[in-house]
Each structure stands twice: as structure tokens, then as C-alpha cells.
N, C-alpha and C. Protein backbone atom coordinates (compact mmCIF):
# COMPACT_ATOMS: atom_id res chain seq x y z
N TYR A 1 -113.67 254.64 -41.22
CA TYR A 1 -114.46 255.64 -40.51
C TYR A 1 -115.24 256.64 -41.47
N LYS A 2 -114.64 256.99 -42.52
CA LYS A 2 -115.25 257.93 -43.45
C LYS A 2 -116.46 257.23 -44.00
N ALA A 3 -116.44 255.95 -44.37
CA ALA A 3 -117.62 255.31 -44.96
C ALA A 3 -118.77 255.19 -43.95
N LYS A 4 -118.47 254.94 -42.76
CA LYS A 4 -119.51 254.84 -41.67
C LYS A 4 -120.07 256.25 -41.48
N PHE A 5 -119.22 257.26 -41.51
CA PHE A 5 -119.68 258.66 -41.33
C PHE A 5 -120.62 259.01 -42.47
N ARG A 6 -120.19 258.75 -43.68
CA ARG A 6 -121.02 259.08 -44.84
C ARG A 6 -122.40 258.39 -44.82
N GLU A 7 -122.28 257.09 -44.45
CA GLU A 7 -123.51 256.31 -44.38
C GLU A 7 -124.54 256.94 -43.40
N LYS A 8 -124.09 257.33 -42.30
CA LYS A 8 -124.95 257.90 -41.25
C LYS A 8 -125.45 259.27 -41.63
N ASN A 9 -124.66 260.13 -42.30
CA ASN A 9 -124.90 261.54 -42.54
C ASN A 9 -125.14 261.92 -43.93
N HIS A 10 -125.40 260.95 -44.80
CA HIS A 10 -125.58 261.29 -46.20
C HIS A 10 -126.65 262.36 -46.47
N ALA A 11 -127.63 262.53 -45.59
CA ALA A 11 -128.71 263.52 -45.83
C ALA A 11 -128.46 264.88 -45.11
N GLU A 12 -127.41 264.98 -44.35
CA GLU A 12 -127.11 266.18 -43.57
C GLU A 12 -126.64 267.30 -44.51
N PRO A 13 -127.29 268.45 -44.51
CA PRO A 13 -127.06 269.49 -45.50
C PRO A 13 -125.57 270.06 -45.47
N GLN A 14 -124.99 270.17 -44.32
CA GLN A 14 -123.67 270.79 -44.32
C GLN A 14 -122.63 269.85 -44.90
N PHE A 15 -122.93 268.55 -45.13
CA PHE A 15 -121.97 267.65 -45.68
C PHE A 15 -122.27 267.39 -47.24
N GLN A 16 -123.18 268.15 -47.84
CA GLN A 16 -123.58 267.98 -49.25
C GLN A 16 -122.76 268.80 -50.19
N GLY A 17 -122.19 269.88 -49.78
CA GLY A 17 -121.40 270.77 -50.64
C GLY A 17 -120.08 270.26 -51.08
N GLY A 18 -119.46 269.42 -50.25
CA GLY A 18 -118.18 268.93 -50.64
C GLY A 18 -117.04 269.83 -50.48
N ALA A 19 -117.24 271.13 -50.13
CA ALA A 19 -116.21 272.11 -49.96
C ALA A 19 -115.60 271.95 -48.63
N ALA A 20 -114.26 272.04 -48.64
CA ALA A 20 -113.44 271.98 -47.39
C ALA A 20 -113.43 273.37 -46.74
N SER A 21 -113.20 273.43 -45.43
CA SER A 21 -113.07 274.65 -44.76
C SER A 21 -111.77 275.38 -45.22
N ALA A 22 -111.77 276.69 -44.96
CA ALA A 22 -110.53 277.45 -45.24
C ALA A 22 -109.47 276.94 -44.21
N PRO A 23 -108.25 276.86 -44.67
CA PRO A 23 -107.10 276.36 -43.77
C PRO A 23 -107.10 277.12 -42.41
N ALA A 24 -107.21 278.41 -42.44
CA ALA A 24 -107.08 279.18 -41.15
C ALA A 24 -108.25 278.83 -40.20
N GLU A 25 -109.46 278.70 -40.74
CA GLU A 25 -110.59 278.34 -39.90
C GLU A 25 -110.45 276.95 -39.39
N ARG A 26 -109.95 276.02 -40.23
CA ARG A 26 -109.76 274.62 -39.87
C ARG A 26 -108.72 274.55 -38.71
N THR A 27 -107.61 275.26 -38.86
CA THR A 27 -106.58 275.24 -37.83
C THR A 27 -107.09 275.81 -36.56
N GLU A 28 -107.82 276.89 -36.58
CA GLU A 28 -108.39 277.44 -35.36
C GLU A 28 -109.33 276.49 -34.64
N ARG A 29 -110.22 275.82 -35.42
CA ARG A 29 -111.07 274.80 -34.82
C ARG A 29 -110.24 273.68 -34.22
N MET A 30 -109.11 273.20 -34.88
CA MET A 30 -108.33 272.15 -34.35
C MET A 30 -107.78 272.53 -32.96
N ILE A 31 -107.21 273.70 -32.81
CA ILE A 31 -106.68 274.15 -31.61
C ILE A 31 -107.73 274.30 -30.49
N ARG A 32 -108.91 274.92 -30.86
CA ARG A 32 -110.00 274.96 -29.89
C ARG A 32 -110.48 273.61 -29.48
N ALA A 33 -110.55 272.68 -30.39
CA ALA A 33 -111.01 271.32 -30.07
C ALA A 33 -110.14 270.77 -29.07
N MET A 34 -108.81 270.79 -29.17
CA MET A 34 -107.92 270.26 -28.19
C MET A 34 -108.07 270.90 -26.82
N ILE A 35 -108.10 272.25 -26.81
CA ILE A 35 -108.11 272.91 -25.56
C ILE A 35 -109.49 272.70 -24.82
N TYR A 36 -110.62 272.77 -25.57
CA TYR A 36 -111.86 272.61 -24.98
C TYR A 36 -111.99 271.20 -24.33
N ALA A 37 -111.50 270.15 -25.00
CA ALA A 37 -111.56 268.83 -24.50
C ALA A 37 -110.72 268.70 -23.16
N ALA A 38 -109.56 269.30 -23.26
CA ALA A 38 -108.70 269.25 -22.10
C ALA A 38 -109.24 269.99 -20.88
N LYS A 39 -109.95 271.05 -21.08
CA LYS A 39 -110.47 271.84 -19.94
C LYS A 39 -111.94 271.45 -19.64
N ALA A 40 -112.43 270.31 -20.21
CA ALA A 40 -113.81 269.93 -19.94
C ALA A 40 -114.07 269.65 -18.47
N ASP A 41 -113.00 269.24 -17.74
CA ASP A 41 -113.31 268.95 -16.30
C ASP A 41 -112.94 270.08 -15.38
N GLY A 42 -112.75 271.26 -16.00
CA GLY A 42 -112.52 272.52 -15.21
C GLY A 42 -111.14 272.95 -15.20
N HIS A 43 -110.16 272.08 -15.62
CA HIS A 43 -108.76 272.52 -15.53
C HIS A 43 -108.00 271.66 -16.57
N ILE A 44 -106.83 272.14 -16.93
CA ILE A 44 -105.94 271.43 -17.85
C ILE A 44 -104.74 270.93 -16.99
N ASP A 45 -104.66 269.65 -16.84
CA ASP A 45 -103.55 269.11 -16.04
C ASP A 45 -102.27 269.01 -16.87
N GLU A 46 -101.20 268.68 -16.25
CA GLU A 46 -99.84 268.77 -16.92
C GLU A 46 -99.78 267.85 -18.11
N ASP A 47 -100.31 266.65 -18.03
CA ASP A 47 -100.32 265.71 -19.11
C ASP A 47 -101.08 266.31 -20.32
N GLU A 48 -102.30 266.84 -20.06
CA GLU A 48 -103.07 267.41 -21.11
C GLU A 48 -102.33 268.66 -21.74
N HIS A 49 -101.67 269.36 -20.89
CA HIS A 49 -100.95 270.59 -21.36
C HIS A 49 -99.80 270.10 -22.35
N ASP A 50 -99.13 269.10 -21.93
CA ASP A 50 -98.03 268.52 -22.80
C ASP A 50 -98.62 268.03 -24.13
N ARG A 51 -99.71 267.32 -24.09
CA ARG A 51 -100.28 266.82 -25.35
C ARG A 51 -100.64 267.94 -26.25
N ILE A 52 -101.35 268.94 -25.75
CA ILE A 52 -101.67 270.17 -26.55
C ILE A 52 -100.44 270.84 -27.11
N THR A 53 -99.51 271.09 -26.25
CA THR A 53 -98.24 271.76 -26.70
C THR A 53 -97.55 271.05 -27.81
N LYS A 54 -97.48 269.76 -27.70
CA LYS A 54 -96.86 268.91 -28.79
C LYS A 54 -97.61 269.12 -30.03
N GLN A 55 -98.98 269.01 -30.06
CA GLN A 55 -99.74 269.11 -31.21
C GLN A 55 -99.65 270.51 -31.84
N VAL A 56 -99.75 271.49 -31.04
CA VAL A 56 -99.68 272.95 -31.54
C VAL A 56 -98.27 273.11 -32.21
N GLN A 57 -97.29 272.71 -31.52
CA GLN A 57 -95.91 272.91 -32.05
C GLN A 57 -95.73 272.12 -33.40
N ALA A 58 -96.37 271.01 -33.52
CA ALA A 58 -96.37 270.23 -34.80
C ALA A 58 -97.00 271.01 -35.92
N MET A 59 -97.89 271.88 -35.60
CA MET A 59 -98.59 272.69 -36.64
C MET A 59 -97.72 273.77 -37.12
N LYS A 60 -96.71 274.17 -36.47
CA LYS A 60 -95.73 275.25 -36.85
C LYS A 60 -96.47 276.50 -37.25
N LEU A 61 -97.19 277.02 -36.32
CA LEU A 61 -97.99 278.24 -36.57
C LEU A 61 -97.39 279.47 -35.86
N GLY A 62 -96.46 279.28 -35.00
CA GLY A 62 -95.82 280.40 -34.30
C GLY A 62 -96.74 281.17 -33.47
N GLU A 63 -96.59 282.52 -33.52
CA GLU A 63 -97.42 283.44 -32.70
C GLU A 63 -98.93 283.31 -32.92
N ALA A 64 -99.31 283.05 -34.14
CA ALA A 64 -100.72 282.90 -34.46
C ALA A 64 -101.39 281.86 -33.54
N ALA A 65 -100.66 280.76 -33.41
CA ALA A 65 -101.23 279.65 -32.62
C ALA A 65 -101.33 280.12 -31.18
N GLN A 66 -100.39 280.82 -30.68
CA GLN A 66 -100.42 281.23 -29.24
C GLN A 66 -101.55 282.19 -28.98
N ARG A 67 -101.96 283.02 -29.94
CA ARG A 67 -103.10 283.80 -29.82
C ARG A 67 -104.37 283.01 -29.77
N ILE A 68 -104.47 282.07 -30.59
CA ILE A 68 -105.67 281.13 -30.58
C ILE A 68 -105.76 280.39 -29.25
N VAL A 69 -104.58 279.83 -28.81
CA VAL A 69 -104.51 279.08 -27.56
C VAL A 69 -105.00 279.99 -26.44
N SER A 70 -104.46 281.21 -26.30
CA SER A 70 -104.82 282.14 -25.26
C SER A 70 -106.31 282.43 -25.26
N ALA A 71 -106.84 282.68 -26.43
CA ALA A 71 -108.30 282.96 -26.54
C ALA A 71 -109.12 281.77 -26.11
N ALA A 72 -108.76 280.59 -26.55
CA ALA A 72 -109.51 279.37 -26.27
C ALA A 72 -109.50 279.02 -24.83
N MET A 73 -108.36 279.32 -24.17
CA MET A 73 -108.27 279.07 -22.68
C MET A 73 -109.29 279.80 -21.92
N SER A 74 -109.66 281.08 -22.36
CA SER A 74 -110.54 281.86 -21.58
C SER A 74 -111.99 281.73 -22.01
N GLU A 75 -112.20 281.05 -23.09
CA GLU A 75 -113.61 280.90 -23.63
C GLU A 75 -114.38 279.73 -22.88
N PRO A 76 -115.71 279.91 -22.84
CA PRO A 76 -116.41 278.79 -22.23
C PRO A 76 -116.46 277.60 -23.19
N LEU A 77 -116.66 276.41 -22.65
CA LEU A 77 -116.69 275.23 -23.49
C LEU A 77 -117.97 275.28 -24.35
N ASP A 78 -117.82 274.92 -25.64
CA ASP A 78 -118.89 274.92 -26.58
C ASP A 78 -118.59 273.99 -27.71
N ALA A 79 -119.07 272.76 -27.51
CA ALA A 79 -118.78 271.76 -28.58
C ALA A 79 -119.35 272.08 -29.94
N SER A 80 -120.53 272.86 -29.96
CA SER A 80 -121.10 273.30 -31.19
C SER A 80 -120.33 274.31 -31.85
N ALA A 81 -119.52 275.13 -31.12
CA ALA A 81 -118.61 276.18 -31.81
C ALA A 81 -117.48 275.44 -32.46
N VAL A 82 -117.00 274.39 -31.92
CA VAL A 82 -115.94 273.55 -32.57
C VAL A 82 -116.52 272.96 -33.84
N ALA A 83 -117.73 272.43 -33.83
CA ALA A 83 -118.31 271.81 -34.96
C ALA A 83 -118.87 272.84 -36.05
N ASN A 84 -119.14 274.02 -35.63
CA ASN A 84 -119.69 275.02 -36.51
C ASN A 84 -118.73 275.24 -37.73
N GLY A 85 -119.16 275.09 -38.90
CA GLY A 85 -118.41 275.32 -40.15
C GLY A 85 -117.70 274.08 -40.63
N VAL A 86 -117.82 272.95 -39.99
CA VAL A 86 -117.21 271.70 -40.47
C VAL A 86 -118.00 271.27 -41.69
N MET A 87 -117.33 271.08 -42.84
CA MET A 87 -118.04 270.76 -44.05
C MET A 87 -117.74 269.34 -44.60
N ASP A 88 -116.91 268.60 -43.97
CA ASP A 88 -116.55 267.30 -44.52
C ASP A 88 -116.23 266.30 -43.43
N GLU A 89 -116.34 265.07 -43.79
CA GLU A 89 -116.14 263.99 -42.76
C GLU A 89 -114.68 264.00 -42.35
N GLU A 90 -113.70 264.34 -43.16
CA GLU A 90 -112.31 264.23 -42.77
C GLU A 90 -112.07 265.20 -41.64
N GLU A 91 -112.60 266.45 -41.74
CA GLU A 91 -112.28 267.45 -40.74
C GLU A 91 -113.06 267.05 -39.42
N ALA A 92 -114.33 266.50 -39.53
CA ALA A 92 -115.03 266.13 -38.36
C ALA A 92 -114.26 265.04 -37.58
N LEU A 93 -113.79 264.07 -38.34
CA LEU A 93 -113.00 263.00 -37.66
C LEU A 93 -111.70 263.44 -37.08
N GLN A 94 -111.10 264.35 -37.82
CA GLN A 94 -109.82 264.88 -37.32
C GLN A 94 -109.99 265.67 -36.05
N LEU A 95 -111.06 266.54 -35.99
CA LEU A 95 -111.31 267.30 -34.78
C LEU A 95 -111.63 266.44 -33.61
N PHE A 96 -112.35 265.37 -33.84
CA PHE A 96 -112.71 264.45 -32.75
C PHE A 96 -111.50 263.73 -32.22
N THR A 97 -110.70 263.24 -33.18
CA THR A 97 -109.46 262.55 -32.86
C THR A 97 -108.52 263.43 -32.03
N LEU A 98 -108.29 264.68 -32.51
CA LEU A 98 -107.43 265.57 -31.71
C LEU A 98 -108.02 265.83 -30.34
N SER A 99 -109.33 265.93 -30.18
CA SER A 99 -109.93 266.24 -28.90
C SER A 99 -109.68 265.01 -28.04
N CYS A 100 -109.86 263.79 -28.52
CA CYS A 100 -109.61 262.62 -27.70
C CYS A 100 -108.17 262.45 -27.35
N ALA A 101 -107.29 262.86 -28.21
CA ALA A 101 -105.84 262.76 -27.99
C ALA A 101 -105.39 263.78 -26.96
N SER A 102 -106.16 264.81 -26.68
CA SER A 102 -105.81 265.93 -25.81
C SER A 102 -106.19 265.69 -24.40
N VAL A 103 -107.04 264.64 -24.13
CA VAL A 103 -107.56 264.44 -22.75
C VAL A 103 -107.58 262.99 -22.38
N ASN A 104 -107.36 262.73 -21.22
CA ASN A 104 -107.56 261.34 -20.67
C ASN A 104 -108.98 261.36 -20.05
N ILE A 105 -109.87 260.67 -20.78
CA ILE A 105 -111.28 260.67 -20.40
C ILE A 105 -111.50 259.88 -19.12
N ASP A 106 -111.33 260.55 -17.98
CA ASP A 106 -111.40 259.78 -16.70
C ASP A 106 -112.44 260.31 -15.72
N ASN A 107 -113.38 261.20 -16.18
CA ASN A 107 -114.44 261.60 -15.30
C ASN A 107 -115.63 261.97 -16.13
N ALA A 108 -116.80 262.22 -15.45
CA ALA A 108 -118.07 262.38 -16.17
C ALA A 108 -118.11 263.72 -16.97
N LEU A 109 -117.39 264.74 -16.48
CA LEU A 109 -117.38 265.99 -17.24
C LEU A 109 -116.70 265.79 -18.63
N GLU A 110 -115.54 265.16 -18.57
CA GLU A 110 -114.85 264.88 -19.86
C GLU A 110 -115.65 263.93 -20.77
N ARG A 111 -116.24 262.92 -20.14
CA ARG A 111 -117.00 262.06 -20.95
C ARG A 111 -118.18 262.75 -21.59
N ASN A 112 -118.85 263.61 -20.87
CA ASN A 112 -120.04 264.33 -21.37
C ASN A 112 -119.57 265.24 -22.54
N TYR A 113 -118.45 265.97 -22.38
CA TYR A 113 -117.99 266.81 -23.41
C TYR A 113 -117.65 266.04 -24.73
N ILE A 114 -116.90 264.98 -24.58
CA ILE A 114 -116.48 264.20 -25.75
C ILE A 114 -117.72 263.67 -26.39
N ASP A 115 -118.70 263.15 -25.64
CA ASP A 115 -119.95 262.64 -26.26
C ASP A 115 -120.73 263.77 -26.98
N THR A 116 -120.79 264.97 -26.35
CA THR A 116 -121.47 266.05 -26.98
C THR A 116 -120.73 266.47 -28.28
N LEU A 117 -119.42 266.52 -28.25
CA LEU A 117 -118.69 266.86 -29.38
C LEU A 117 -118.94 265.84 -30.50
N ALA A 118 -118.93 264.55 -30.18
CA ALA A 118 -119.20 263.57 -31.22
C ALA A 118 -120.55 263.78 -31.85
N GLU A 119 -121.55 264.13 -31.03
CA GLU A 119 -122.90 264.36 -31.49
C GLU A 119 -122.85 265.63 -32.48
N ALA A 120 -122.21 266.66 -31.98
CA ALA A 120 -122.16 267.97 -32.74
C ALA A 120 -121.46 267.78 -34.07
N LEU A 121 -120.51 266.83 -34.10
CA LEU A 121 -119.79 266.54 -35.37
C LEU A 121 -120.44 265.46 -36.24
N TYR A 122 -121.57 264.92 -35.76
CA TYR A 122 -122.27 263.81 -36.39
C TYR A 122 -121.48 262.53 -36.51
N ILE A 123 -120.59 262.22 -35.57
CA ILE A 123 -119.82 261.07 -35.65
C ILE A 123 -120.57 259.85 -35.05
N PRO A 124 -120.77 258.78 -35.75
CA PRO A 124 -121.48 257.63 -35.18
C PRO A 124 -120.85 257.15 -33.85
N ARG A 125 -121.72 256.70 -32.93
CA ARG A 125 -121.18 256.35 -31.61
C ARG A 125 -120.11 255.20 -31.69
N ASP A 126 -120.33 254.19 -32.57
CA ASP A 126 -119.28 253.16 -32.68
C ASP A 126 -118.01 253.65 -33.20
N VAL A 127 -117.99 254.63 -34.09
CA VAL A 127 -116.73 255.23 -34.63
C VAL A 127 -116.12 255.93 -33.56
N ALA A 128 -116.89 256.75 -32.79
CA ALA A 128 -116.26 257.59 -31.73
C ALA A 128 -115.62 256.70 -30.69
N ARG A 129 -116.33 255.64 -30.22
CA ARG A 129 -115.71 254.73 -29.20
C ARG A 129 -114.42 254.05 -29.78
N ASP A 130 -114.47 253.62 -31.06
CA ASP A 130 -113.29 253.02 -31.63
C ASP A 130 -112.09 254.01 -31.64
N ILE A 131 -112.28 255.26 -32.01
CA ILE A 131 -111.25 256.27 -32.00
C ILE A 131 -110.70 256.45 -30.59
N GLU A 132 -111.64 256.57 -29.57
CA GLU A 132 -111.22 256.71 -28.22
C GLU A 132 -110.32 255.58 -27.76
N ASN A 133 -110.83 254.35 -28.07
CA ASN A 133 -110.03 253.13 -27.70
C ASN A 133 -108.72 253.06 -28.33
N LYS A 134 -108.55 253.41 -29.59
CA LYS A 134 -107.25 253.33 -30.24
C LYS A 134 -106.27 254.39 -29.64
N ILE A 135 -106.77 255.57 -29.38
CA ILE A 135 -105.96 256.57 -28.70
C ILE A 135 -105.51 256.12 -27.36
N SER A 136 -106.42 255.59 -26.60
CA SER A 136 -106.10 255.13 -25.24
C SER A 136 -105.00 254.07 -25.28
N GLN A 137 -105.14 253.14 -26.20
CA GLN A 137 -104.20 252.00 -26.34
C GLN A 137 -102.84 252.60 -26.76
N ALA A 138 -102.87 253.50 -27.65
CA ALA A 138 -101.57 254.08 -28.12
C ALA A 138 -100.83 254.73 -26.97
N TYR A 139 -101.54 255.51 -26.07
CA TYR A 139 -100.94 256.16 -24.93
C TYR A 139 -100.40 255.13 -23.98
N LYS A 140 -101.18 254.11 -23.77
CA LYS A 140 -100.71 252.98 -22.85
C LYS A 140 -99.41 252.33 -23.41
N GLN A 141 -99.31 252.16 -24.65
CA GLN A 141 -98.11 251.50 -25.25
C GLN A 141 -96.89 252.44 -25.23
N ASN A 142 -97.17 253.76 -25.45
CA ASN A 142 -96.03 254.74 -25.55
C ASN A 142 -95.77 255.40 -24.22
N GLY A 143 -96.43 255.05 -23.24
CA GLY A 143 -96.20 255.62 -21.84
C GLY A 143 -96.64 256.97 -21.80
């Protein structure tokens, strides 16, 4: 995925510096990415809530994570806010993957948000669809 990403985005200025985001900023974007994707259809269902909870707990951030979660729940959806500050392909792909893993893309609102996020993160369409398909298959296999 990284090679395809670099091939498509080699001239984009934000990916020229090679500097990674600060860990706190990156973590905050990760949590926002999951929550925004899950609430793209106007609500977070039980399955989406469980997915987000598991991911946030795996980050082991304690109360800091809860503050970010609470803030993100009340914010309007903004794919560009999630993408703002992303400086490398690894973070872009990670944010997109987390977003896809947080939601079951089963309606037009979720589809639109995920597509908008992929564009905002400069992820090639074929890479985005492949990530979505792999996540969907993994959920089907693991119940």
C-alpha cells in the first residue's frame, strides 16, 4: 500500500518533509477517525461502539482518551480535520484502516464519508477498496 501511496502522491507538499506527527496529535486523530466514521450515518450503533471501545482500550490512554472520545462525539463530521496534519503515508493508511474498522459501511452516508476521508488522506481508490474488503472479510471470519 505504501508504494502505491507514494507513487500517487510523490508531488504532494505535505508528504515531502518526511517528519512524522507528534504522538499526541497522531493519537487524537486516530480516535477522531474512528468516531467520525462510526457516526457518519448520524448515530453510533452497538457494534460500532464495541469496535471503538476495543481500539481505544488497546491504546491504553486512560482518561486522556475519554476526553478525546467525548469531544469527538459532539463535533461535526469533518474528514479534512482528521487528515489535517498527516505527514506520512503510514499515518494516512493507519487512519483510513481504523476508520474502516470502526464502521460497517452499509449506507450512502457512511460510504460518502469513507470516500471523502480517502480523498482527504490522498489514498488511491484501489488501495482504499482493498483495505475495506480485507476488513470486511476479517469481520465475517471472526463473527
